[in-house]
N, C-alpha and C. Protein backbone atom coordinates (compact mmCIF):
# COMPACT_ATOMS: atom_id res chain seq x y z
N MET A 1 -18.22 -21.42 -2.43
CA MET A 1 -18.54 -20.16 -1.79
C MET A 1 -19.13 -20.41 -0.40
N LEU A 2 -20.05 -21.36 -0.29
CA LEU A 2 -20.65 -21.67 1.00
C LEU A 2 -19.59 -22.11 1.99
N CYS A 3 -18.59 -22.85 1.52
CA CYS A 3 -17.53 -23.32 2.39
C CYS A 3 -16.78 -22.15 3.04
N LEU A 4 -16.64 -21.05 2.32
CA LEU A 4 -15.96 -19.89 2.86
C LEU A 4 -16.74 -19.27 4.00
N LEU A 5 -18.04 -19.45 4.02
CA LEU A 5 -18.88 -18.89 5.06
C LEU A 5 -18.92 -19.75 6.31
N LEU A 6 -18.58 -21.01 6.18
CA LEU A 6 -18.63 -21.93 7.32
C LEU A 6 -17.25 -22.01 7.96
N SER A 7 -17.16 -21.66 9.20
CA SER A 7 -15.88 -21.69 9.90
C SER A 7 -15.36 -23.11 10.00
N GLY A 8 -14.11 -23.29 9.58
CA GLY A 8 -13.46 -24.59 9.71
C GLY A 8 -13.87 -25.60 8.66
N CYS A 9 -14.63 -25.23 7.68
CA CYS A 9 -15.09 -26.17 6.66
C CYS A 9 -13.90 -26.77 5.93
N GLY A 10 -13.72 -28.04 6.09
CA GLY A 10 -12.63 -28.74 5.42
C GLY A 10 -11.25 -28.43 5.98
N ASP A 11 -11.16 -27.75 7.10
CA ASP A 11 -9.87 -27.37 7.66
C ASP A 11 -9.50 -28.30 8.79
N SER A 12 -8.97 -29.48 8.46
CA SER A 12 -8.60 -30.43 9.50
C SER A 12 -7.32 -30.02 10.20
N GLY A 13 -6.62 -28.98 9.69
CA GLY A 13 -5.41 -28.50 10.33
C GLY A 13 -5.69 -27.82 11.65
N ALA A 14 -6.92 -27.37 11.87
CA ALA A 14 -7.27 -26.71 13.13
C ALA A 14 -7.61 -27.73 14.21
N MET A 15 -7.83 -28.97 13.82
CA MET A 15 -8.20 -30.03 14.76
C MET A 15 -6.96 -30.71 15.29
N PHE A 16 -7.01 -31.13 16.56
CA PHE A 16 -5.95 -31.94 17.16
C PHE A 16 -6.59 -33.15 17.81
N THR A 17 -5.86 -34.26 17.81
CA THR A 17 -6.35 -35.51 18.37
C THR A 17 -5.37 -36.03 19.40
N LEU A 18 -5.91 -36.46 20.53
CA LEU A 18 -5.10 -37.04 21.61
C LEU A 18 -5.15 -38.56 21.50
N TYR A 19 -3.98 -39.18 21.50
CA TYR A 19 -3.85 -40.63 21.42
C TYR A 19 -3.13 -41.15 22.66
N ARG A 20 -3.24 -42.45 22.88
CA ARG A 20 -2.44 -43.11 23.90
C ARG A 20 -1.96 -44.43 23.35
N GLY A 21 -0.86 -44.90 23.92
CA GLY A 21 -0.33 -46.19 23.56
C GLY A 21 -0.93 -47.28 24.43
N SER A 22 -0.33 -48.43 24.36
CA SER A 22 -0.77 -49.58 25.14
C SER A 22 0.40 -50.05 26.00
N ALA A 23 0.10 -50.54 27.17
CA ALA A 23 1.16 -51.06 28.05
C ALA A 23 1.78 -52.33 27.48
N THR A 24 1.04 -53.06 26.67
CA THR A 24 1.54 -54.33 26.14
C THR A 24 2.06 -54.23 24.70
N ASP A 25 1.63 -53.20 23.96
CA ASP A 25 2.06 -53.06 22.56
C ASP A 25 2.38 -51.59 22.27
N PRO A 26 3.65 -51.21 22.26
CA PRO A 26 4.02 -49.81 22.06
C PRO A 26 3.59 -49.24 20.71
N ALA A 27 3.31 -50.07 19.73
CA ALA A 27 2.90 -49.59 18.41
C ALA A 27 1.41 -49.24 18.34
N THR A 28 0.66 -49.55 19.38
CA THR A 28 -0.78 -49.30 19.39
C THR A 28 -1.07 -47.81 19.49
N ARG A 29 -2.06 -47.35 18.70
CA ARG A 29 -2.55 -45.97 18.74
C ARG A 29 -4.02 -46.03 19.11
N MET A 30 -4.35 -45.56 20.30
CA MET A 30 -5.75 -45.58 20.74
C MET A 30 -6.25 -44.15 20.85
N HIS A 31 -7.42 -43.89 20.25
CA HIS A 31 -8.02 -42.57 20.29
C HIS A 31 -8.52 -42.27 21.69
N VAL A 32 -8.17 -41.10 22.21
CA VAL A 32 -8.64 -40.67 23.53
C VAL A 32 -9.66 -39.55 23.35
N SER A 33 -9.30 -38.53 22.57
CA SER A 33 -10.19 -37.38 22.41
C SER A 33 -9.79 -36.57 21.20
N SER A 34 -10.74 -35.83 20.64
CA SER A 34 -10.48 -34.91 19.53
C SER A 34 -10.81 -33.50 19.99
N PHE A 35 -10.03 -32.53 19.52
CA PHE A 35 -10.20 -31.13 19.89
C PHE A 35 -10.43 -30.33 18.62
N ASP A 36 -11.65 -29.84 18.45
CA ASP A 36 -12.04 -29.14 17.23
C ASP A 36 -12.92 -27.94 17.56
N ALA A 37 -12.50 -27.15 18.54
CA ALA A 37 -13.27 -25.95 18.90
C ALA A 37 -13.23 -24.96 17.75
N ASP A 38 -14.27 -24.19 17.63
CA ASP A 38 -14.40 -23.23 16.54
C ASP A 38 -13.62 -21.95 16.88
N THR A 39 -12.32 -22.10 17.12
CA THR A 39 -11.48 -20.95 17.42
C THR A 39 -10.25 -20.96 16.53
N SER A 40 -9.20 -21.66 16.94
CA SER A 40 -7.97 -21.70 16.15
C SER A 40 -7.22 -22.99 16.40
N ALA A 41 -6.28 -23.28 15.54
CA ALA A 41 -5.45 -24.46 15.71
C ALA A 41 -4.64 -24.36 17.00
N ALA A 42 -4.16 -23.16 17.33
CA ALA A 42 -3.37 -22.98 18.55
C ALA A 42 -4.21 -23.29 19.79
N TYR A 43 -5.46 -22.89 19.79
CA TYR A 43 -6.35 -23.17 20.92
C TYR A 43 -6.57 -24.67 21.07
N ASN A 44 -6.85 -25.35 19.96
CA ASN A 44 -7.08 -26.79 19.99
C ASN A 44 -5.82 -27.55 20.39
N GLU A 45 -4.67 -27.09 19.91
CA GLU A 45 -3.42 -27.74 20.29
C GLU A 45 -3.17 -27.58 21.79
N GLN A 46 -3.37 -26.38 22.31
CA GLN A 46 -3.15 -26.14 23.74
C GLN A 46 -4.11 -27.00 24.58
N SER A 47 -5.36 -27.10 24.15
CA SER A 47 -6.33 -27.92 24.87
C SER A 47 -5.90 -29.38 24.88
N CYS A 48 -5.41 -29.85 23.74
CA CYS A 48 -4.94 -31.24 23.65
C CYS A 48 -3.74 -31.46 24.57
N LEU A 49 -2.81 -30.52 24.59
CA LEU A 49 -1.63 -30.66 25.44
C LEU A 49 -1.99 -30.63 26.92
N LEU A 50 -2.97 -29.81 27.30
CA LEU A 50 -3.42 -29.78 28.70
C LEU A 50 -4.05 -31.11 29.09
N ALA A 51 -4.87 -31.67 28.19
CA ALA A 51 -5.48 -32.98 28.46
C ALA A 51 -4.41 -34.06 28.56
N LYS A 52 -3.41 -34.00 27.67
CA LYS A 52 -2.30 -34.96 27.70
C LYS A 52 -1.60 -34.92 29.05
N GLU A 53 -1.30 -33.71 29.54
CA GLU A 53 -0.64 -33.57 30.84
C GLU A 53 -1.51 -34.14 31.96
N HIS A 54 -2.81 -33.88 31.90
CA HIS A 54 -3.72 -34.40 32.91
C HIS A 54 -3.71 -35.93 32.93
N PHE A 55 -3.84 -36.55 31.75
CA PHE A 55 -3.84 -38.01 31.68
C PHE A 55 -2.50 -38.59 32.13
N GLU A 56 -1.39 -37.92 31.79
CA GLU A 56 -0.08 -38.43 32.21
C GLU A 56 0.06 -38.39 33.73
N LYS A 57 -0.49 -37.38 34.38
CA LYS A 57 -0.42 -37.30 35.84
C LYS A 57 -1.24 -38.40 36.50
N GLN A 58 -2.33 -38.83 35.86
CA GLN A 58 -3.19 -39.89 36.40
C GLN A 58 -2.72 -41.28 35.99
N ASN A 59 -1.72 -41.33 35.15
CA ASN A 59 -1.24 -42.56 34.53
C ASN A 59 -0.50 -43.45 35.53
N THR A 60 -1.03 -44.62 35.79
CA THR A 60 -0.36 -45.56 36.70
C THR A 60 0.18 -46.78 35.96
N LYS A 61 -0.07 -46.85 34.67
CA LYS A 61 0.34 -48.04 33.90
C LYS A 61 1.48 -47.76 32.93
N GLY A 62 2.06 -46.57 32.99
CA GLY A 62 3.18 -46.24 32.10
C GLY A 62 2.76 -46.03 30.66
N LEU A 63 1.52 -45.63 30.43
CA LEU A 63 1.05 -45.41 29.07
C LEU A 63 1.62 -44.10 28.52
N ARG A 64 1.84 -44.07 27.23
CA ARG A 64 2.33 -42.88 26.55
C ARG A 64 1.14 -42.15 25.95
N TYR A 65 1.08 -40.83 26.10
CA TYR A 65 0.04 -39.98 25.50
C TYR A 65 0.70 -38.98 24.59
N TRP A 66 0.03 -38.64 23.47
CA TRP A 66 0.57 -37.64 22.56
C TRP A 66 -0.55 -37.01 21.74
N CYS A 67 -0.28 -35.80 21.25
CA CYS A 67 -1.22 -35.06 20.41
C CYS A 67 -0.68 -35.01 18.98
N GLU A 68 -1.60 -35.08 18.03
CA GLU A 68 -1.25 -34.94 16.62
C GLU A 68 -2.25 -34.00 15.96
N PRO A 69 -1.78 -33.19 15.01
CA PRO A 69 -2.72 -32.35 14.27
C PRO A 69 -3.60 -33.19 13.36
N GLY A 70 -4.84 -32.75 13.17
CA GLY A 70 -5.75 -33.43 12.26
C GLY A 70 -6.71 -34.34 12.97
N PRO A 71 -7.63 -34.94 12.19
CA PRO A 71 -8.63 -35.85 12.76
C PRO A 71 -8.01 -37.20 13.12
N TYR A 72 -8.78 -38.02 13.81
CA TYR A 72 -8.36 -39.36 14.23
C TYR A 72 -7.92 -40.19 13.03
N ARG A 73 -6.77 -40.82 13.18
CA ARG A 73 -6.26 -41.78 12.18
C ARG A 73 -5.87 -43.05 12.91
N SER A 74 -6.33 -44.16 12.41
CA SER A 74 -6.00 -45.44 13.07
C SER A 74 -4.62 -45.93 12.68
């Protein structure tokens, strides 16, 4: 019952995580940032995508950036 009163309690679907690859190992997943605002999954996804675009514009090493739903996974 308490969980129903807490926004986002146990709802990792609303969270998005930004990752980047490595210039030397394409299989590498490095955590850049997590987006878990107390609004909606769409808001967090859009924020992640905006950050991804920003990092890609600053990218001079050919790194790959991407967003995934949920918390950080190694």
